[in-house]
PDB file of N, CA and C in Angstrom:
ATOM      1  N   UNK A   1     -33.339  -6.030 -28.623  1.00  0.00           N
ATOM      2  CA  UNK A   1     -32.801  -4.761 -27.805  1.00  0.00           C
ATOM      3  C   UNK A   1     -33.219  -4.281 -27.086  1.00  0.00           C
ATOM      4  N   UNK A   2     -35.214  -4.701 -26.573  1.00  0.00           N
ATOM      5  CA  UNK A   2     -35.145  -3.974 -25.480  1.00  0.00           C
ATOM      6  C   UNK A   2     -35.814  -4.803 -24.305  1.00  0.00           C
ATOM      7  N   UNK A   3     -34.606  -5.517 -24.069  1.00  0.00           N
ATOM      8  CA  UNK A   3     -34.642  -6.387 -22.656  1.00  0.00           C
ATOM      9  C   UNK A   3     -32.960  -5.644 -22.706  1.00  0.00           C
ATOM     10  N   UNK A   4     -31.890  -5.631 -23.425  1.00  0.00           N
ATOM     11  CA  UNK A   4     -30.505  -4.720 -23.134  1.00  0.00           C
ATOM     12  C   UNK A   4     -30.819  -3.991 -22.844  1.00  0.00           C
ATOM     13  N   UNK A   5     -31.445  -3.166 -23.409  1.00  0.00           N
ATOM     14  CA  UNK A   5     -32.529  -1.386 -23.473  1.00  0.00           C
ATOM     15  C   UNK A   5     -32.286  -1.414 -21.933  1.00  0.00           C
ATOM     16  N   UNK A   6     -33.835  -1.845 -21.377  1.00  0.00           N
ATOM     17  CA  UNK A   6     -34.221  -2.169 -19.481  1.00  0.00           C
ATOM     18  C   UNK A   6     -32.843  -2.348 -18.652  1.00  0.00           C
ATOM     19  N   UNK A   7     -32.110  -3.622 -19.562  1.00  0.00           N
ATOM     20  CA  UNK A   7     -30.635  -4.008 -18.179  1.00  0.00           C
ATOM     21  C   UNK A   7     -29.975  -2.621 -18.320  1.00  0.00           C
ATOM     22  N   UNK A   8     -29.354  -2.108 -19.224  1.00  0.00           N
ATOM     23  CA  UNK A   8     -28.580  -1.105 -19.024  1.00  0.00           C
ATOM     24  C   UNK A   8     -28.776  -0.237 -18.645  1.00  0.00           C
ATOM     25  N   UNK A   9     -29.966  -0.146 -17.812  1.00  0.00           N
ATOM     26  CA  UNK A   9     -30.768   1.244 -17.325  1.00  0.00           C
ATOM     27  C   UNK A   9     -31.246   0.918 -15.955  1.00  0.00           C
ATOM     28  N   UNK A  10     -31.195  -1.108 -15.820  1.00  0.00           N
ATOM     29  CA  UNK A  10     -30.877  -1.032 -14.086  1.00  0.00           C
ATOM     30  C   UNK A  10     -29.460  -0.827 -13.649  1.00  0.00           C
ATOM     31  N   UNK A  11     -28.318  -1.279 -14.443  1.00  0.00           N
ATOM     32  CA  UNK A  11     -27.411  -1.029 -13.572  1.00  0.00           C
ATOM     33  C   UNK A  11     -26.742   0.183 -13.592  1.00  0.00           C
ATOM     34  N   UNK A  12     -27.291   1.522 -15.131  1.00  0.00           N
ATOM     35  CA  UNK A  12     -26.888   2.938 -14.167  1.00  0.00           C
ATOM     36  C   UNK A  12     -27.530   3.211 -12.495  1.00  0.00           C
ATOM     37  N   UNK A  13     -29.161   2.833 -13.170  1.00  0.00           N
ATOM     38  CA  UNK A  13     -29.679   2.614 -11.691  1.00  0.00           C
ATOM     39  C   UNK A  13     -29.161   2.133 -10.102  1.00  0.00           C
ATOM     40  N   UNK A  14     -28.954   0.639 -10.594  1.00  0.00           N
ATOM     41  CA  UNK A  14     -27.600  -0.057  -9.568  1.00  0.00           C
ATOM     42  C   UNK A  14     -26.089   1.004  -8.989  1.00  0.00           C
ATOM     43  N   UNK A  15     -26.039   1.149 -10.522  1.00  0.00           N
ATOM     44  CA  UNK A  15     -24.131   1.954 -10.235  1.00  0.00           C
ATOM     45  C   UNK A  15     -24.710   3.547  -8.964  1.00  0.00           C
ATOM     46  N   UNK A  16     -25.567   4.120  -9.653  1.00  0.00           N
ATOM     47  CA  UNK A  16     -25.980   5.196  -8.535  1.00  0.00           C
ATOM     48  C   UNK A  16     -26.465   4.856  -7.519  1.00  0.00           C
ATOM     49  N   UNK A  17     -26.934   4.757  -6.906  1.00  0.00           N
ATOM     50  CA  UNK A  17     -27.497   3.541  -6.127  1.00  0.00           C
ATOM     51  C   UNK A  17     -26.198   3.158  -4.568  1.00  0.00           C
ATOM     52  N   UNK A  18     -24.679   2.150  -5.644  1.00  0.00           N
ATOM     53  CA  UNK A  18     -24.207   1.951  -5.129  1.00  0.00           C
ATOM     54  C   UNK A  18     -22.670   3.493  -4.614  1.00  0.00           C
ATOM     55  N   UNK A  19     -23.102   4.146  -6.188  1.00  0.00           N
ATOM     56  CA  UNK A  19     -22.068   6.269  -5.262  1.00  0.00           C
ATOM     57  C   UNK A  19     -23.018   5.830  -3.775  1.00  0.00           C
ATOM     58  N   UNK A  20     -24.139   6.203  -3.320  1.00  0.00           N
ATOM     59  CA  UNK A  20     -24.725   7.048  -2.228  1.00  0.00           C
ATOM     60  C   UNK A  20     -24.225   6.349  -1.402  1.00  0.00           C
ATOM     61  N   UNK A  21     -24.194   5.023  -1.199  1.00  0.00           N
ATOM     62  CA  UNK A  21     -23.070   4.368   0.217  1.00  0.00           C
ATOM     63  C   UNK A  21     -21.867   4.408   0.730  1.00  0.00           C
ATOM     64  N   UNK A  22     -21.928   4.732   2.095  1.00  0.00           N
ATOM     65  CA  UNK A  22     -20.947   5.237   2.684  1.00  0.00           C
ATOM     66  C   UNK A  22     -19.693   3.587   2.461  1.00  0.00           C
ATOM     67  N   UNK A  23     -18.609   4.207   2.154  1.00  0.00           N
ATOM     68  CA  UNK A  23     -17.839   2.884   2.271  1.00  0.00           C
ATOM     69  C   UNK A  23     -18.130   1.584   2.991  1.00  0.00           C
ATOM     70  N   UNK A  24     -17.938   2.435   4.633  1.00  0.00           N
ATOM     71  CA  UNK A  24     -18.057   0.893   5.850  1.00  0.00           C
ATOM     72  C   UNK A  24     -19.255   0.026   5.687  1.00  0.00           C
ATOM     73  N   UNK A  25     -20.575   1.025   5.397  1.00  0.00           N
ATOM     74  CA  UNK A  25     -21.579   0.904   5.080  1.00  0.00           C
ATOM     75  C   UNK A  25     -21.626  -0.968   4.595  1.00  0.00           C
ATOM     76  N   UNK A  26     -21.062  -1.094   2.742  1.00  0.00           N
ATOM     77  CA  UNK A  26     -20.775  -2.119   2.109  1.00  0.00           C
ATOM     78  C   UNK A  26     -20.488  -2.913   3.248  1.00  0.00           C
ATOM     79  N   UNK A  27     -19.831  -3.208   4.042  1.00  0.00           N
ATOM     80  CA  UNK A  27     -18.852  -4.520   4.830  1.00  0.00           C
ATOM     81  C   UNK A  27     -19.652  -4.559   5.842  1.00  0.00           C
ATOM     82  N   UNK A  28     -20.854  -3.477   6.841  1.00  0.00           N
ATOM     83  CA  UNK A  28     -21.849  -3.775   7.802  1.00  0.00           C
ATOM     84  C   UNK A  28     -22.823  -3.952   7.247  1.00  0.00           C
ATOM     85  N   UNK A  29     -23.207  -3.846   7.030  1.00  0.00           N
ATOM     86  CA  UNK A  29     -24.506  -4.230   6.357  1.00  0.00           C
ATOM     87  C   UNK A  29     -25.056  -5.680   5.862  1.00  0.00           C
ATOM     88  N   UNK A  30     -25.356  -6.537   6.321  1.00  0.00           N
ATOM     89  CA  UNK A  30     -25.721  -7.614   5.254  1.00  0.00           C
ATOM     90  C   UNK A  30     -27.244  -7.827   5.557  1.00  0.00           C
ATOM     91  N   UNK A  31     -27.332  -8.556   3.506  1.00  0.00           N
ATOM     92  CA  UNK A  31     -28.197  -9.336   3.175  1.00  0.00           C
ATOM     93  C   UNK A  31     -28.700 -10.134   2.755  1.00  0.00           C
ATOM     94  N   UNK A  32     -30.144 -11.245   3.323  1.00  0.00           N
ATOM     95  CA  UNK A  32     -29.838 -12.801   3.632  1.00  0.00           C
ATOM     96  C   UNK A  32     -30.134 -12.727   1.896  1.00  0.00           C
ATOM     97  N   UNK A  33     -29.752 -14.173   1.854  1.00  0.00           N
ATOM     98  CA  UNK A  33     -29.621 -14.648  -0.234  1.00  0.00           C
ATOM     99  C   UNK A  33     -29.917 -15.992   0.503  1.00  0.00           C
ATOM    100  N   UNK A  34     -30.767 -16.444  -0.891  1.00  0.00           N
ATOM    101  CA  UNK A  34     -30.964 -18.110   0.559  1.00  0.00           C
ATOM    102  C   UNK A  34     -30.287 -18.991   0.364  1.00  0.00           C
ATOM    103  N   UNK A  35     -29.015 -18.977  -0.202  1.00  0.00           N
ATOM    104  CA  UNK A  35     -28.369 -19.937  -0.430  1.00  0.00           C
ATOM    105  C   UNK A  35     -26.662 -19.968  -0.028  1.00  0.00           C
ATOM    106  N   UNK A  36     -26.427 -18.614  -0.130  1.00  0.00           N
ATOM    107  CA  UNK A  36     -24.973 -18.208   0.940  1.00  0.00           C
ATOM    108  C   UNK A  36     -25.304 -17.499   1.986  1.00  0.00           C
ATOM    109  N   UNK A  37     -26.546 -17.398   2.380  1.00  0.00           N
ATOM    110  CA  UNK A  37     -26.785 -16.916   3.826  1.00  0.00           C
ATOM    111  C   UNK A  37     -26.338 -15.612   3.966  1.00  0.00           C
ATOM    112  N   UNK A  38     -25.917 -14.839   5.044  1.00  0.00           N
ATOM    113  CA  UNK A  38     -26.206 -13.509   5.632  1.00  0.00           C
ATOM    114  C   UNK A  38     -24.724 -12.875   4.621  1.00  0.00           C
ATOM    115  N   UNK A  39     -24.922 -12.132   3.947  1.00  0.00           N
ATOM    116  CA  UNK A  39     -23.430 -12.349   3.314  1.00  0.00           C
ATOM    117  C   UNK A  39     -24.029 -10.465   3.143  1.00  0.00           C
ATOM    118  N   UNK A  40     -22.438  -9.685   2.987  1.00  0.00           N
ATOM    119  CA  UNK A  40     -22.714  -7.969   3.201  1.00  0.00           C
ATOM    120  C   UNK A  40     -23.412  -7.448   1.738  1.00  0.00           C
ATOM    121  N   UNK A  41     -23.471  -6.724   2.060  1.00  0.00           N
ATOM    122  CA  UNK A  41     -23.668  -5.598   0.828  1.00  0.00           C
ATOM    123  C   UNK A  41     -23.289  -5.477   0.571  1.00  0.00           C
ATOM    124  N   UNK A  42     -21.931  -5.419   0.159  1.00  0.00           N
ATOM    125  CA  UNK A  42     -20.103  -5.583  -0.449  1.00  0.00           C
ATOM    126  C   UNK A  42     -19.832  -7.431  -1.604  1.00  0.00           C
ATOM    127  N   UNK A  43     -20.770  -7.657  -0.281  1.00  0.00           N
ATOM    128  CA  UNK A  43     -20.351  -9.359  -1.248  1.00  0.00           C
ATOM    129  C   UNK A  43     -21.848  -9.396  -1.835  1.00  0.00           C
ATOM    130  N   UNK A  44     -22.838  -8.989  -1.458  1.00  0.00           N
ATOM    131  CA  UNK A  44     -24.293  -9.253  -2.654  1.00  0.00           C
ATOM    132  C   UNK A  44     -23.731  -8.380  -3.647  1.00  0.00           C
ATOM    133  N   UNK A  45     -23.259  -7.348  -3.717  1.00  0.00           N
ATOM    134  CA  UNK A  45     -22.868  -6.507  -5.411  1.00  0.00           C
ATOM    135  C   UNK A  45     -21.616  -7.608  -6.085  1.00  0.00           C
ATOM    136  N   UNK A  46     -20.797  -7.706  -5.433  1.00  0.00           N
ATOM    137  CA  UNK A  46     -19.603  -8.610  -6.296  1.00  0.00           C
ATOM    138  C   UNK A  46     -20.348  -9.883  -7.195  1.00  0.00           C
ATOM    139  N   UNK A  47     -21.414 -10.637  -6.268  1.00  0.00           N
ATOM    140  CA  UNK A  47     -22.388 -11.945  -6.542  1.00  0.00           C
ATOM    141  C   UNK A  47     -23.068 -11.786  -7.043  1.00  0.00           C
ATOM    142  N   UNK A  48     -23.449  -9.587  -8.000  1.00  0.00           N
ATOM    143  CA  UNK A  48     -24.235  -9.659  -8.862  1.00  0.00           C
ATOM    144  C   UNK A  48     -23.742  -9.374  -9.700  1.00  0.00           C
ATOM    145  N   UNK A  49     -22.847  -8.807  -9.672  1.00  0.00           N
ATOM    146  CA  UNK A  49     -22.244  -8.681 -11.616  1.00  0.00           C
ATOM    147  C   UNK A  49     -21.415 -10.045 -11.852  1.00  0.00           C
ATOM    148  N   UNK A  50     -21.195 -11.003 -10.795  1.00  0.00           N
ATOM    149  CA  UNK A  50     -20.883 -11.834 -11.839  1.00  0.00           C
ATOM    150  C   UNK A  50     -22.175 -12.959 -12.130  1.00  0.00           C
ATOM    151  N   UNK A  51     -23.033 -12.864 -11.604  1.00  0.00           N
ATOM    152  CA  UNK A  51     -24.115 -13.209 -11.663  1.00  0.00           C
ATOM    153  C   UNK A  51     -24.466 -12.713 -13.078  1.00  0.00           C
ATOM    154  N   UNK A  52     -24.918 -11.471 -13.481  1.00  0.00           N
ATOM    155  CA  UNK A  52     -25.712 -10.835 -13.795  1.00  0.00           C
ATOM    156  C   UNK A  52     -25.030 -10.747 -15.360  1.00  0.00           C
ATOM    157  N   UNK A  53     -23.419 -11.117 -15.908  1.00  0.00           N
ATOM    158  CA  UNK A  53     -22.313 -11.075 -16.583  1.00  0.00           C
ATOM    159  C   UNK A  53     -22.542 -12.405 -17.240  1.00  0.00           C
ATOM    160  N   UNK A  54     -22.444 -13.538 -16.265  1.00  0.00           N
ATOM    161  CA  UNK A  54     -23.003 -14.976 -16.702  1.00  0.00           C
ATOM    162  C   UNK A  54     -24.913 -14.834 -17.489  1.00  0.00           C
ATOM    163  N   UNK A  55     -25.502 -14.017 -17.128  1.00  0.00           N
ATOM    164  CA  UNK A  55     -26.480 -14.460 -17.975  1.00  0.00           C
ATOM    165  C   UNK A  55     -26.602 -13.481 -19.028  1.00  0.00           C
ATOM    166  N   UNK A  56     -25.938 -12.593 -19.432  1.00  0.00           N
ATOM    167  CA  UNK A  56     -25.290 -11.685 -20.574  1.00  0.00           C
ATOM    168  C   UNK A  56     -24.514 -13.207 -20.940  1.00  0.00           C
ATOM    169  N   UNK A  57     -23.575 -13.611 -20.747  1.00  0.00           N
ATOM    170  CA  UNK A  57     -22.891 -14.612 -21.904  1.00  0.00           C
ATOM    171  C   UNK A  57     -23.600 -14.880 -22.261  1.00  0.00           C
ATOM    172  N   UNK A  58     -24.859 -15.850 -21.464  1.00  0.00           N
ATOM    173  CA  UNK A  58     -26.421 -16.692 -21.934  1.00  0.00           C
ATOM    174  C   UNK A  58     -26.502 -16.189 -23.243  1.00  0.00           C
ATOM    175  N   UNK A  59     -27.173 -14.661 -22.823  1.00  0.00           N
ATOM    176  CA  UNK A  59     -27.447 -14.190 -23.870  1.00  0.00           C
ATOM    177  C   UNK A  59     -26.618 -14.043 -25.432  1.00  0.00           C
ATOM    178  N   UNK A  60     -25.804 -13.458 -24.706  1.00  0.00           N
ATOM    179  CA  UNK A  60     -25.189 -13.177 -26.333  1.00  0.00           C
ATOM    180  C   UNK A  60     -24.635 -14.413 -26.692  1.00  0.00           C
ATOM    181  N   UNK A  61     -24.170 -15.846 -26.697  1.00  0.00           N
ATOM    182  CA  UNK A  61     -24.473 -17.184 -27.220  1.00  0.00           C
ATOM    183  C   UNK A  61     -25.489 -17.258 -27.243  1.00  0.00           C
ATOM    184  N   UNK A  62     -26.047 -17.194 -27.134  1.00  0.00           N
ATOM    185  CA  UNK A  62     -27.503 -17.333 -28.224  1.00  0.00           C
ATOM    186  C   UNK A  62     -27.807 -16.983 -29.206  1.00  0.00           C
ATOM    187  N   UNK A  63     -27.826 -16.370 -29.208  1.00  0.00           N
ATOM    188  CA  UNK A  63     -27.622 -14.958 -30.278  1.00  0.00           C
ATOM    189  C   UNK A  63     -26.378 -15.457 -31.324  1.00  0.00           C
ATOM    190  N   UNK A  64     -26.055 -15.994 -31.301  1.00  0.00           N
ATOM    191  CA  UNK A  64     -24.530 -16.522 -31.901  1.00  0.00           C
ATOM    192  C   UNK A  64     -23.995 -15.298 -32.131  1.00  0.00           C
ATOM    193  N   UNK A  65     -23.507 -14.458 -31.210  1.00  0.00           N
ATOM    194  CA  UNK A  65     -22.645 -13.427 -31.229  1.00  0.00           C
ATOM    195  C   UNK A  65     -21.392 -13.796 -31.205  1.00  0.00           C
TER     196      UNK A  65
END
């Protein structure tokens, strides 16, 4: 439960940070990704959502829920 509390807090903080970004900046700013190369902040956020859900699903599956 402690990890999931930490995870929920991290998601809240990310949502707060995203809300402060101007919409256009999400597409203009690029970040390095070791496998995908330079991607926009928006693309990184979508990737993060997908990747994060993948890990949460694994935890839930391993917990037998």
